Amino acid sequence: MRKTGNKPKKQRKHFNPLAAMQPLPAEKVRADMDRNLAALAALATGTKAEVKEWDDLSDCVNTVEMLIEMGEIDQEHAATSFEAIRAMRDSMHRHLNEGQALFMTEPEAQAMRDLLTLYHVCLERKPWMIIYKAQQACTERINAQLGQARAAA
């Protein structure tokens, strides 16, 4: 026989199917943007920038690029994405191939600011499920590319 005592029953959380159609909560958007802007500040100043900051910004670039490919962002923003990709590539190239500290030049930092502005609008306005699907598609594409690279090696 089980004692029930005075313990309250656990409340079940009900699934809200409409929640996937809503944007992310403002506090999550702010926390994400704060982290990304701090990463950009570290890279733009070249002080204590690490690969972690570069990775954070890379996630934003990949998400925006995928949202453009999915048709969730107008093609007119492809140039913004392209410039940010070039900024990321060039900063990592200097770091890995030339032995320089990880940093971004002013034009590169501006390209990233422009992309983060676009990313921020997406986080505020797009349903979170769309953002999630774009991030998942990026992960799948990167994993496929890594698999191909391993197979070729």
Protein backbone atom coordinates (compact mmCIF):
# COMPACT_ATOMS: atom_id res chain seq x y z
CA MET A 1 0.00 0.00 0.00
CA ARG A 2 1.34 3.37 -0.98
CA LYS A 3 1.25 6.39 1.28
CA THR A 4 0.19 9.53 -0.45
CA GLY A 5 0.81 11.87 2.43
CA ASN A 6 0.31 15.54 1.84
CA LYS A 7 2.49 15.76 -1.22
CA PRO A 8 0.94 17.83 -3.97
CA LYS A 9 0.44 16.15 -7.31
CA LYS A 10 2.89 17.11 -10.01
CA GLN A 11 1.38 19.51 -12.48
CA ARG A 12 1.65 18.30 -16.04
CA LYS A 13 2.74 20.80 -18.56
CA HIS A 14 0.41 20.86 -21.48
CA PHE A 15 1.82 21.06 -24.95
CA ASN A 16 0.82 24.24 -26.70
CA PRO A 17 0.92 23.58 -30.47
CA LEU A 18 0.66 27.31 -31.21
CA ALA A 19 3.82 28.03 -29.22
CA ALA A 20 5.98 26.90 -32.16
CA MET A 21 4.47 29.69 -34.21
CA GLN A 22 5.50 32.40 -31.73
CA PRO A 23 8.82 34.24 -31.65
CA LEU A 24 11.34 33.47 -28.94
CA PRO A 25 10.69 35.13 -25.58
CA ALA A 26 12.28 38.58 -25.32
CA GLU A 27 14.59 37.51 -22.48
CA LYS A 28 16.03 34.68 -24.59
CA VAL A 29 16.54 37.00 -27.54
CA ARG A 30 18.30 39.54 -25.30
CA ALA A 31 20.56 36.89 -23.74
CA ASP A 32 21.51 35.53 -27.17
CA MET A 33 22.19 39.00 -28.57
CA ASP A 34 24.21 40.01 -25.49
CA ARG A 35 26.43 36.95 -25.96
CA ASN A 36 26.85 37.63 -29.69
CA LEU A 37 27.58 41.33 -29.24
CA ALA A 38 30.15 40.50 -26.55
CA ALA A 39 31.77 38.03 -28.96
CA LEU A 40 31.88 40.68 -31.66
CA ALA A 41 33.35 43.22 -29.26
CA ALA A 42 36.12 40.76 -28.35
CA LEU A 43 36.92 40.12 -32.01
CA ALA A 44 36.64 43.77 -33.03
CA THR A 45 39.05 44.91 -30.33
CA GLY A 46 41.29 41.86 -30.65
CA THR A 47 41.47 41.58 -26.88
CA LYS A 48 41.12 38.12 -25.43
CA ALA A 49 39.17 36.88 -28.43
CA GLU A 50 39.04 33.11 -28.57
CA VAL A 51 37.65 30.55 -30.96
CA LYS A 52 34.53 30.34 -28.73
CA GLU A 53 33.56 33.89 -29.71
CA TRP A 54 34.24 33.14 -33.35
CA ASP A 55 32.04 30.03 -33.07
CA ASP A 56 29.18 32.05 -31.53
CA LEU A 57 29.26 34.47 -34.44
CA SER A 58 29.62 31.63 -36.92
CA ASP A 59 26.36 30.16 -35.63
CA CYS A 60 24.61 33.47 -36.35
CA VAL A 61 26.08 33.65 -39.85
CA ASN A 62 25.07 30.07 -40.60
CA THR A 63 21.54 30.61 -39.30
CA VAL A 64 21.01 33.72 -41.40
CA GLU A 65 22.47 32.02 -44.46
CA MET A 66 20.11 29.08 -44.01
CA LEU A 67 17.10 31.36 -43.45
CA ILE A 68 17.92 33.01 -46.78
CA GLU A 69 18.19 29.60 -48.48
CA MET A 70 14.86 28.57 -46.92
CA GLY A 71 13.21 31.72 -48.29
CA GLU A 72 12.52 33.05 -44.80
CA ILE A 73 14.68 36.13 -45.46
CA ASP A 74 14.55 38.05 -48.72
CA GLN A 75 17.36 37.41 -51.21
CA GLU A 76 18.22 41.11 -51.01
CA HIS A 77 19.99 40.31 -47.73
CA ALA A 78 22.30 37.76 -49.36
CA ALA A 79 25.01 40.42 -49.73
CA THR A 80 24.94 41.03 -45.97
CA SER A 81 25.35 37.32 -45.38
CA PHE A 82 28.13 37.04 -47.95
CA GLU A 83 30.13 39.90 -46.40
CA ALA A 84 29.79 38.37 -42.94
CA ILE A 85 30.93 34.98 -44.25
CA ARG A 86 33.95 36.65 -45.82
CA ALA A 87 34.73 38.47 -42.54
CA MET A 88 34.56 35.20 -40.60
CA ARG A 89 36.71 33.36 -43.15
CA ASP A 90 39.35 36.09 -43.29
CA SER A 91 39.63 36.47 -39.52
CA MET A 92 40.09 32.72 -39.05
CA HIS A 93 42.54 32.55 -41.98
CA ARG A 94 44.77 35.17 -40.34
CA HIS A 95 44.57 33.28 -37.07
CA LEU A 96 45.31 29.79 -38.38
CA ASN A 97 47.53 30.42 -41.40
CA GLU A 98 49.36 33.57 -40.40
CA GLY A 99 49.60 32.99 -36.65
CA GLN A 100 47.89 36.26 -35.76
CA ALA A 101 45.63 36.75 -32.80
CA LEU A 102 41.96 36.22 -33.57
CA PHE A 103 40.50 39.61 -34.55
CA MET A 104 38.38 41.43 -37.10
CA THR A 105 39.29 44.53 -39.02
CA GLU A 106 36.86 47.45 -38.86
CA PRO A 107 35.18 46.58 -42.19
CA GLU A 108 34.86 42.96 -41.06
CA ALA A 109 33.39 44.03 -37.72
CA GLN A 110 30.91 46.26 -39.55
CA ALA A 111 29.88 43.36 -41.77
CA MET A 112 29.22 41.35 -38.62
CA ARG A 113 27.27 44.22 -37.02
CA ASP A 114 25.08 44.34 -40.12
CA LEU A 115 24.51 40.60 -39.98
CA LEU A 116 23.75 40.67 -36.24
CA THR A 117 21.17 43.39 -36.87
CA LEU A 118 19.47 41.09 -39.39
CA TYR A 119 19.81 38.10 -37.04
CA HIS A 120 18.27 40.11 -34.18
CA VAL A 121 15.24 41.03 -36.29
CA CYS A 122 14.80 37.36 -37.18
CA LEU A 123 14.94 36.29 -33.54
CA GLU A 124 12.37 38.91 -32.60
CA ARG A 125 9.94 38.28 -35.46
CA LYS A 126 10.30 34.77 -36.84
CA PRO A 127 8.58 31.86 -35.13
CA TRP A 128 11.08 29.99 -33.00
CA MET A 129 10.36 26.78 -34.90
CA ILE A 130 11.64 28.41 -38.12
CA ILE A 131 14.85 29.48 -36.34
CA TYR A 132 15.22 25.98 -34.91
CA LYS A 133 14.72 24.35 -38.33
CA ALA A 134 17.34 26.64 -39.86
CA GLN A 135 19.83 25.79 -37.11
CA GLN A 136 19.13 22.07 -37.50
CA ALA A 137 19.63 22.31 -41.27
CA CYS A 138 22.97 24.05 -40.67
CA THR A 139 24.05 21.31 -38.28
CA GLU A 140 23.09 18.61 -40.77
CA ARG A 141 24.94 20.34 -43.60
CA ILE A 142 28.09 20.80 -41.49
CA ASN A 143 27.98 17.18 -40.31
CA ALA A 144 27.60 16.00 -43.92
CA GLN A 145 30.57 18.14 -45.00
CA LEU A 146 32.68 16.78 -42.15
CA GLY A 147 31.69 13.25 -43.08
CA GLN A 148 32.72 13.85 -46.69
CA ALA A 149 36.02 15.34 -45.56
CA ARG A 150 36.74 12.31 -43.35
CA ALA A 151 35.86 9.92 -46.16
CA ALA A 152 38.19 11.76 -48.55
CA ALA A 153 41.09 11.68 -46.05
